[in-house]
Amino acid sequence: MTESSKPKNTSTQTDVVIVGGGMVGATVALGLAQAGFDVTLLERRAPSLEWSDEAPYQTRVSALTRASENILKHLNAWAGIERRRCHAFTDMHVWESVSDAEVHFDARDVQEPNLGYVVENNVIQAALWEQIPDYPNLHLIVGQTPTDLILENDQAWLILDNGVRLQARLVVGADGALSKTRDMAGIAVQEHDYQQCAVVGCVKTELPNQDTCWQRYQAEGPFAYLAMDDNMSSIAWYLPVEQMQWALSLSDDAFAAAIAEASGHKLGEVVEVGERSAFPLVRRHAEQYVKPHFVLVGDAAHTVHPQAGQGVNLGLLDAAALVEVLTEAKQANPEHWDRFAVLRRYERWRRGDNVIVQRSMEGFDWLFKQDQGLKNQFRQWVLPFADQAKPLKRWLMSQALNGREVLPALAK
């Protein structure tokens, strides 16, 4: 059901209100609706569900793990992704620019068909939204934004800009890194500015990508080709933040030449470039994920350095964990599933894993972006060692595919 506008000062009662209908928010909505909760999903702008195979590639993509694939399959969204556009990658090559040191990951070494899928973010969101009409207990409000959040002892109120008051037992903030609901709830955020930017887009290369993701570490930051169809690859080029406007202002020919150079010409010349965009990199971590009758998921709770493409995967695990915790609590006692102690179970489950990933990504960034003597020697030793240590490589691939902890049921 879609409610684009309602009379002012009216009230609507529901079990759960989710603010933000992106990939993570829509996953929470479908998971809870599937479990029988009455859910209201609030989103400023509905995604387009129309699709053409000739649609230009979008600049923002995600490298989905097997756990994320399983979550989307459980929600019946994976077929919509495959019907649109996605690309499996079977290998990953990681090397550094100042030596021949490299490590090669191959899906065959862990008896897997692939190491994941590169999928445009708008494709994931559209495939999730396609499932919403299947649930009469999932209601949409499109075009309104929250102006106030009131957390009481036994319920929450979300006030919208058209005067509508939503009464709920739980409000979920899934409204991104600059979350308004997080601010309204009075939750502080720890921030760290990486002084880097990510330049992203899609290019066509002279040589095929071989269903492989290629990542080259350089002094200023990593460069990555993420395999897409044919000779197309999504790029992620990490630069000092002061170079962001320079990268965006280059002509297509100059940008193509710069990309080929940054990749070490691994796939030959860049013969075609599409739309590009860039954004500064900031690590954010909410000091709390939960308050009474309020919870944060995805980027609203945490952001990580995107070099390993883990952001959306972590958010989908947040969503699956929250669905599981609330569902189990409701089955145990239908009157108490929104208790603060229940919400704390979700926070304890997810916070530690998110911190580990944040710190791991920062460790890689620190190790590879500065070209200093001891670091240089260490990198030249550790990459060949990792490449030859087959059990270590298999463990790393298994962790990347399936997660680092006990997985939620939706992710299995």
Protein backbone atom coordinates (compact mmCIF):
# COMPACT_ATOMS: atom_id res chain seq x y z
CA MET A 1 0.00 0.00 0.00
CA THR A 2 1.37 3.42 -0.93
CA GLU A 3 0.40 6.57 0.95
CA SER A 4 1.86 9.55 -0.88
CA SER A 5 -0.03 12.06 1.24
CA LYS A 6 -2.47 11.89 4.11
CA PRO A 7 -4.49 14.54 5.92
CA LYS A 8 -2.45 16.49 8.43
CA ASN A 9 -2.48 15.57 12.11
CA THR A 10 -3.69 12.02 11.45
CA SER A 11 -2.13 9.04 13.23
CA THR A 12 -1.17 5.60 11.97
CA GLN A 13 -0.28 2.70 14.26
CA THR A 14 2.10 -0.09 13.25
CA ASP A 15 4.58 -2.54 14.74
CA VAL A 16 7.70 -1.22 13.03
CA VAL A 17 8.49 1.94 11.09
CA ILE A 18 11.62 1.80 8.91
CA VAL A 19 13.08 5.11 7.77
CA GLY A 20 14.98 4.60 4.53
CA GLY A 21 14.07 2.23 1.70
CA GLY A 22 17.54 1.62 0.30
CA MET A 23 19.13 -1.80 0.10
CA VAL A 24 19.40 -2.34 3.85
CA GLY A 25 16.11 -0.71 4.85
CA ALA A 26 14.17 -2.66 2.22
CA THR A 27 15.81 -5.88 3.43
CA VAL A 28 14.69 -5.21 7.00
CA ALA A 29 11.18 -4.39 5.77
CA LEU A 30 10.79 -7.56 3.73
CA GLY A 31 12.34 -9.77 6.40
CA LEU A 32 10.02 -8.47 9.12
CA ALA A 33 6.97 -8.57 6.85
CA GLN A 34 7.84 -12.16 5.95
CA ALA A 35 7.93 -12.92 9.70
CA GLY A 36 4.44 -11.47 10.20
CA PHE A 37 5.17 -8.01 11.62
CA ASP A 38 3.08 -5.04 10.55
CA VAL A 39 5.65 -2.81 8.85
CA THR A 40 5.64 0.73 7.46
CA LEU A 41 8.51 1.69 5.15
CA LEU A 42 9.26 5.39 4.68
CA GLU A 43 11.24 6.53 1.62
CA ARG A 44 11.58 9.94 0.00
CA ARG A 45 11.82 8.61 -3.56
CA ALA A 46 10.74 5.23 -4.87
CA PRO A 47 13.25 3.52 -7.17
CA SER A 48 12.40 2.82 -10.78
CA LEU A 49 11.46 -0.81 -11.34
CA GLU A 50 11.66 -0.55 -15.11
CA TRP A 51 14.66 -2.15 -16.76
CA SER A 52 16.38 -2.23 -20.12
CA ASP A 53 19.41 -4.32 -20.99
CA GLU A 54 20.72 -1.21 -22.72
CA ALA A 55 20.61 0.85 -19.51
CA PRO A 56 23.95 2.57 -18.86
CA TYR A 57 26.03 1.17 -16.04
CA GLN A 58 25.64 3.04 -12.76
CA THR A 59 28.63 4.41 -10.85
CA ARG A 60 27.82 2.75 -7.50
CA VAL A 61 28.17 -1.03 -7.26
CA SER A 62 28.57 -3.63 -4.52
CA ALA A 63 30.60 -6.83 -4.42
CA LEU A 64 28.05 -9.19 -2.85
CA THR A 65 29.24 -12.12 -0.75
CA ARG A 66 27.61 -15.54 -0.56
CA ALA A 67 25.96 -14.54 2.72
CA SER A 68 24.39 -11.50 1.02
CA GLU A 69 23.31 -13.64 -1.93
CA ASN A 70 21.57 -16.02 0.49
CA ILE A 71 19.76 -13.16 2.25
CA LEU A 72 18.47 -11.85 -1.06
CA LYS A 73 17.42 -15.33 -2.16
CA HIS A 74 15.43 -15.86 1.05
CA LEU A 75 13.59 -12.61 0.31
CA ASN A 76 12.91 -13.73 -3.31
CA ALA A 77 14.91 -10.77 -4.66
CA TRP A 78 17.80 -12.65 -6.24
CA ALA A 79 15.84 -13.61 -9.35
CA GLY A 80 15.15 -9.92 -10.00
CA ILE A 81 18.87 -9.18 -9.76
CA GLU A 82 19.77 -11.95 -12.20
CA ARG A 83 17.02 -10.83 -14.57
CA ARG A 84 18.52 -7.35 -14.65
CA ARG A 85 22.29 -7.40 -14.47
CA CYS A 86 24.97 -8.92 -12.27
CA HIS A 87 28.35 -10.50 -12.86
CA ALA A 88 30.05 -13.30 -10.94
CA PHE A 89 33.79 -13.03 -10.39
CA THR A 90 35.83 -16.19 -9.91
CA ASP A 91 39.26 -14.74 -9.12
CA MET A 92 40.90 -11.83 -7.36
CA HIS A 93 44.44 -10.55 -7.98
CA VAL A 94 46.03 -8.20 -5.45
CA TRP A 95 49.44 -6.69 -6.08
CA GLU A 96 51.49 -3.63 -5.27
CA SER A 97 52.96 -1.08 -7.63
CA VAL A 98 56.57 -1.02 -6.39
CA SER A 99 57.32 -4.72 -6.80
CA ASP A 100 56.03 -7.91 -8.36
CA ALA A 101 54.60 -9.10 -5.03
CA GLU A 102 51.05 -10.38 -5.47
CA VAL A 103 48.44 -12.76 -4.14
CA HIS A 104 45.88 -14.60 -6.27
CA PHE A 105 42.56 -15.88 -4.92
CA ASP A 106 40.73 -18.53 -6.97
CA ALA A 107 37.21 -19.79 -6.22
CA ARG A 108 38.23 -23.30 -7.25
CA ASP A 109 40.55 -23.49 -4.23
CA VAL A 110 37.52 -23.41 -1.92
CA GLN A 111 35.24 -25.49 -4.19
CA GLU A 112 32.99 -22.52 -4.88
CA PRO A 113 31.52 -21.49 -8.25
CA ASN A 114 32.62 -17.88 -7.67
CA LEU A 115 33.89 -15.44 -5.06
CA GLY A 116 30.87 -13.16 -5.26
CA TYR A 117 28.90 -10.91 -7.60
CA VAL A 118 29.40 -7.34 -8.74
CA VAL A 119 25.95 -5.72 -8.81
CA GLU A 120 24.82 -2.14 -9.32
CA ASN A 121 23.19 -0.74 -6.18
CA ASN A 122 20.07 0.42 -8.04
CA VAL A 123 19.57 -3.13 -9.33
CA ILE A 124 19.64 -4.54 -5.78
CA GLN A 125 17.19 -1.93 -4.51
CA ALA A 126 14.77 -2.43 -7.42
CA ALA A 127 14.79 -6.22 -6.99
CA LEU A 128 13.90 -5.80 -3.31
CA TRP A 129 11.14 -3.27 -3.96
CA GLU A 130 9.56 -5.62 -6.51
CA GLN A 131 8.69 -7.93 -3.62
CA ILE A 132 6.84 -5.33 -1.54
CA PRO A 133 3.38 -5.84 -3.17
CA ASP A 134 3.48 -9.49 -2.06
CA TYR A 135 3.01 -8.43 1.57
CA PRO A 136 -0.29 -6.80 2.59
CA ASN A 137 1.26 -6.13 6.02
CA LEU A 138 4.02 -3.98 4.45
CA HIS A 139 2.93 -0.39 3.82
CA LEU A 140 4.81 2.29 1.90
CA ILE A 141 4.89 6.02 2.56
CA VAL A 142 6.71 7.71 -0.31
CA GLY A 143 7.60 11.38 -0.56
CA GLN A 144 7.55 12.35 3.12
CA THR A 145 10.43 12.85 5.54
CA PRO A 146 10.55 12.70 9.34
CA THR A 147 10.74 15.94 11.28
CA ASP A 148 10.69 14.62 14.83
CA LEU A 149 11.17 11.39 16.77
CA ILE A 150 9.68 10.86 20.23
CA LEU A 151 10.84 7.83 22.21
CA GLU A 152 8.58 6.94 25.13
CA ASN A 153 8.70 4.13 27.66
CA ASP A 154 6.25 1.92 25.80
CA GLN A 155 6.29 3.20 22.19
CA ALA A 156 7.78 5.61 19.67
CA TRP A 157 6.27 8.40 17.59
CA LEU A 158 7.65 9.52 14.24
CA ILE A 159 6.31 12.87 13.01
CA LEU A 160 6.36 13.46 9.24
CA ASP A 161 6.65 16.72 7.33
CA ASN A 162 2.99 16.51 6.26
CA GLY A 163 1.80 16.31 9.87
CA VAL A 164 1.19 12.55 9.96
CA ARG A 165 2.12 10.91 13.28
CA LEU A 166 3.31 7.31 13.06
CA GLN A 167 2.94 5.34 16.29
CA ALA A 168 5.15 2.26 16.47
CA ARG A 169 6.65 -0.19 18.90
CA LEU A 170 9.97 0.17 17.07
CA VAL A 171 11.55 2.71 14.72
CA VAL A 172 14.46 1.52 12.55
CA GLY A 173 16.92 4.10 11.25
CA ALA A 174 18.16 2.90 7.85
CA ASP A 175 18.64 6.38 6.40
CA GLY A 176 22.33 6.28 5.58
CA ALA A 177 25.61 7.69 6.81
CA LEU A 178 24.15 11.15 7.49
CA SER A 179 21.15 9.67 9.31
CA LYS A 180 18.55 12.18 10.49
CA THR A 181 16.88 9.62 12.72
CA ARG A 182 20.19 8.93 14.47
CA ASP A 183 20.48 12.63 15.24
CA MET A 184 16.86 12.82 16.39
CA ALA A 185 17.48 9.90 18.75
CA GLY A 186 20.43 11.76 20.24
CA ILE A 187 23.00 9.10 19.34
CA ALA A 188 26.56 10.41 19.00
CA VAL A 189 28.92 9.28 16.24
CA GLN A 190 32.66 8.73 16.25
CA GLU A 191 34.21 9.95 12.99
CA HIS A 192 37.58 9.63 11.31
CA ASP A 193 38.36 11.49 8.08
CA TYR A 194 40.61 9.35 5.88
CA GLN A 195 41.63 12.40 3.82
CA GLN A 196 40.87 10.24 0.80
CA CYS A 197 38.19 10.12 -1.85
CA ALA A 198 36.84 7.30 -3.99
CA VAL A 199 36.43 7.94 -7.71
CA VAL A 200 33.97 5.42 -9.13
CA GLY A 201 32.49 4.62 -12.52
CA CYS A 202 32.43 2.04 -15.28
CA VAL A 203 34.93 1.63 -18.12
CA LYS A 204 35.60 -0.63 -21.06
CA THR A 205 39.12 -1.99 -21.38
CA GLU A 206 41.19 -3.23 -24.28
CA LEU A 207 41.59 -6.67 -22.71
CA PRO A 208 38.88 -8.83 -21.10
CA ASN A 209 38.62 -8.78 -17.32
CA GLN A 210 38.68 -12.61 -17.14
CA ASP A 211 35.87 -12.61 -14.54
CA THR A 212 38.47 -11.26 -12.14
CA CYS A 213 38.68 -8.38 -9.70
CA TRP A 214 42.05 -6.68 -9.92
CA GLN A 215 43.36 -4.53 -7.06
CA ARG A 216 46.62 -2.61 -7.22
CA TYR A 217 48.05 -0.92 -4.14
CA GLN A 218 49.88 2.36 -4.63
CA ALA A 219 51.37 4.98 -2.31
CA GLU A 220 48.32 7.27 -2.62
CA GLY A 221 45.75 4.47 -2.26
CA PRO A 222 44.44 1.36 -4.02
CA PHE A 223 42.96 1.07 -7.50
CA ALA A 224 40.49 -1.68 -8.40
CA TYR A 225 38.80 -3.12 -11.46
CA LEU A 226 35.61 -5.02 -10.52
CA ALA A 227 34.58 -7.46 -13.22
CA MET A 228 31.36 -6.81 -15.12
CA ASP A 229 30.11 -8.04 -18.49
CA ASP A 230 32.51 -8.61 -21.40
CA ASN A 231 35.30 -6.03 -21.28
CA MET A 232 33.40 -3.78 -18.87
CA SER A 233 34.63 -3.18 -15.33
CA SER A 234 33.53 -1.00 -12.48
CA ILE A 235 36.41 1.05 -11.11
CA ALA A 236 37.26 2.26 -7.62
CA TRP A 237 40.20 4.67 -7.56
CA TYR A 238 41.27 5.98 -4.17
CA LEU A 239 43.06 9.32 -4.16
CA PRO A 240 43.98 12.08 -1.71
CA VAL A 241 40.80 14.08 -1.17
CA GLU A 242 42.36 17.22 -2.64
CA GLN A 243 42.55 15.43 -6.02
CA MET A 244 38.81 14.67 -6.18
CA GLN A 245 37.84 17.66 -8.33
CA TRP A 246 40.86 17.09 -10.56
CA ALA A 247 39.74 13.52 -11.30
CA LEU A 248 36.17 14.63 -12.02
CA SER A 249 37.27 17.48 -14.29
CA LEU A 250 39.45 15.39 -16.60
CA SER A 251 38.29 14.92 -20.17
CA ASP A 252 37.17 11.39 -21.03
CA ASP A 253 40.41 10.75 -22.93
CA ALA A 254 42.57 12.06 -20.11
CA PHE A 255 40.56 10.10 -17.55
CA ALA A 256 40.93 6.90 -19.60
CA ALA A 257 44.70 7.40 -19.78
CA ALA A 258 44.91 8.07 -16.03
CA ILE A 259 42.89 4.94 -15.24
CA ALA A 260 45.09 2.76 -17.43
CA GLU A 261 48.17 4.19 -15.72
CA ALA A 262 46.73 3.69 -12.22
CA SER A 263 46.00 0.04 -13.04
CA GLY A 264 49.50 -0.56 -14.37
CA HIS A 265 47.86 -1.26 -17.76
CA LYS A 266 46.76 -4.61 -16.35
CA LEU A 267 43.84 -4.76 -18.82
CA GLY A 268 45.54 -2.74 -21.53
CA GLU A 269 44.21 0.65 -22.52
CA VAL A 270 40.86 2.03 -21.42
CA VAL A 271 38.85 2.41 -24.62
CA GLU A 272 35.56 3.78 -23.24
CA VAL A 273 34.49 5.58 -20.08
CA GLY A 274 31.01 6.06 -18.69
CA GLU A 275 29.62 8.36 -16.03
CA ARG A 276 31.90 8.92 -13.05
CA SER A 277 31.39 10.27 -9.56
CA ALA A 278 33.44 10.73 -6.40
CA PHE A 279 32.91 11.03 -2.68
CA PRO A 280 35.12 11.68 0.36
CA LEU A 281 35.84 8.77 2.70
CA VAL A 282 34.90 9.08 6.35
CA ARG A 283 34.65 6.29 8.90
CA ARG A 284 31.62 6.68 11.13
CA HIS A 285 30.49 4.51 14.01
CA ALA A 286 27.49 5.22 16.18
CA GLU A 287 28.27 5.05 19.89
CA GLN A 288 25.01 3.15 20.34
CA TYR A 289 23.05 1.02 17.88
CA VAL A 290 19.93 0.96 20.02
CA LYS A 291 17.78 3.02 22.35
CA PRO A 292 14.38 2.07 23.78
CA HIS A 293 12.11 1.47 20.76
CA PHE A 294 14.82 2.61 18.31
CA VAL A 295 17.56 0.80 16.38
CA LEU A 296 20.15 1.67 13.71
CA VAL A 297 21.20 -0.54 10.79
CA GLY A 298 23.64 -0.26 7.89
CA ASP A 299 25.43 2.99 7.16
CA ALA A 300 23.33 4.78 9.76
CA ALA A 301 25.18 2.67 12.35
CA HIS A 302 28.60 2.33 10.72
CA THR A 303 30.60 3.07 7.59
CA VAL A 304 33.86 1.39 6.59
CA HIS A 305 36.62 2.11 4.11
CA PRO A 306 35.13 0.75 0.87
CA GLN A 307 38.30 -0.80 -0.57
CA ALA A 308 37.06 -4.37 0.05
CA GLY A 309 33.43 -3.63 -0.84
CA GLN A 310 32.15 -4.75 2.57
CA GLY A 311 29.77 -1.87 3.37
CA VAL A 312 26.57 -3.28 1.88
CA ASN A 313 27.41 -6.80 3.01
CA LEU A 314 27.74 -5.62 6.61
CA GLY A 315 24.45 -3.74 6.30
CA LEU A 316 22.62 -6.79 4.98
CA LEU A 317 24.00 -8.84 7.88
CA ASP A 318 22.71 -6.14 10.25
CA ALA A 319 19.28 -6.47 8.64
CA ALA A 320 19.24 -10.26 8.82
CA ALA A 321 20.42 -10.27 12.45
CA LEU A 322 17.75 -7.74 13.49
CA VAL A 323 15.01 -9.75 11.76
CA GLU A 324 16.16 -12.91 13.54
CA VAL A 325 16.40 -11.32 16.99
CA LEU A 326 12.96 -9.69 16.75
CA THR A 327 11.31 -12.79 15.28
CA GLU A 328 12.68 -15.09 17.99
CA ALA A 329 11.63 -12.62 20.69
CA LYS A 330 8.11 -12.35 19.26
CA GLN A 331 7.77 -16.13 19.11
CA ALA A 332 8.88 -16.36 22.75
CA ASN A 333 6.57 -13.57 23.96
CA PRO A 334 4.46 -11.50 21.54
CA GLU A 335 4.17 -8.70 24.11
CA HIS A 336 7.88 -8.24 24.79
CA TRP A 337 9.66 -8.39 21.42
CA ASP A 338 10.34 -4.63 21.48
CA ARG A 339 11.98 -4.62 24.91
CA PHE A 340 15.33 -2.84 25.20
CA ALA A 341 17.02 -6.07 26.30
CA VAL A 342 15.96 -7.64 22.98
CA LEU A 343 17.40 -4.76 20.98
CA ARG A 344 20.65 -5.06 22.93
CA ARG A 345 20.99 -8.65 21.68
CA TYR A 346 21.12 -7.29 18.14
CA GLU A 347 23.71 -4.66 19.11
CA ARG A 348 25.98 -7.19 20.83
CA TRP A 349 25.70 -9.52 17.85
CA ARG A 350 26.66 -6.98 15.21
CA ARG A 351 28.83 -4.31 16.80
CA GLY A 352 31.95 -6.42 17.35
CA ASP A 353 32.00 -7.76 13.81
CA ASN A 354 31.58 -4.29 12.35
CA VAL A 355 34.49 -2.97 14.45
CA ILE A 356 36.74 -5.81 13.28
CA VAL A 357 36.00 -5.03 9.63
CA GLN A 358 36.52 -1.29 10.15
CA ARG A 359 39.90 -1.81 11.77
CA SER A 360 40.99 -4.42 9.23
CA MET A 361 40.25 -2.08 6.34
CA GLU A 362 42.17 0.71 8.05
CA GLY A 363 45.09 -1.64 8.62
CA PHE A 364 45.27 -2.48 4.92
CA ASP A 365 44.99 1.19 4.03
CA TRP A 366 47.80 2.14 6.44
CA LEU A 367 50.08 -0.66 5.30
CA PHE A 368 49.80 -0.07 1.58
CA LYS A 369 49.30 3.64 1.04
CA GLN A 370 52.63 4.83 2.47
CA ASP A 371 55.73 3.82 0.56
CA GLN A 372 58.29 3.59 3.36
CA GLY A 373 61.29 1.29 3.71
CA LEU A 374 60.19 -1.18 6.38
CA LYS A 375 56.61 -1.26 5.13
CA ASN A 376 57.86 -1.80 1.61
CA GLN A 377 59.99 -4.75 2.71
CA PHE A 378 57.14 -6.21 4.74
CA ARG A 379 54.70 -5.98 1.82
CA GLN A 380 57.19 -7.64 -0.50
CA TRP A 381 57.41 -10.50 1.98
CA VAL A 382 53.80 -10.87 3.13
CA LEU A 383 52.07 -10.98 -0.28
CA PRO A 384 54.14 -13.88 -1.69
CA PHE A 385 53.83 -15.65 1.68
CA ALA A 386 50.04 -15.29 1.61
CA ASP A 387 49.98 -16.47 -2.00
CA GLN A 388 51.88 -19.66 -1.12
CA ALA A 389 50.07 -20.34 2.16
CA LYS A 390 47.15 -22.32 0.75
CA PRO A 391 45.33 -22.92 4.07
CA LEU A 392 45.53 -19.19 4.86
CA LYS A 393 44.16 -18.27 1.44
CA ARG A 394 41.31 -20.75 1.78
CA TRP A 395 40.44 -19.34 5.20
CA LEU A 396 40.52 -15.76 3.92
CA MET A 397 38.25 -16.63 0.99
CA SER A 398 35.83 -18.50 3.23
CA GLN A 399 35.67 -15.55 5.63
CA ALA A 400 35.10 -13.10 2.78
CA LEU A 401 32.35 -15.23 1.24
CA ASN A 402 30.44 -16.32 4.31
CA GLY A 403 31.23 -13.87 7.10
CA ARG A 404 33.38 -13.88 10.19
CA GLU A 405 30.92 -15.03 12.85
CA VAL A 406 27.74 -16.99 13.51
CA LEU A 407 25.53 -16.07 10.58
CA PRO A 408 21.85 -15.11 10.81
CA ALA A 409 19.47 -17.72 9.44
CA LEU A 410 18.64 -15.56 6.40
CA ALA A 411 22.33 -15.55 5.42
CA LYS A 412 22.65 -19.35 5.31
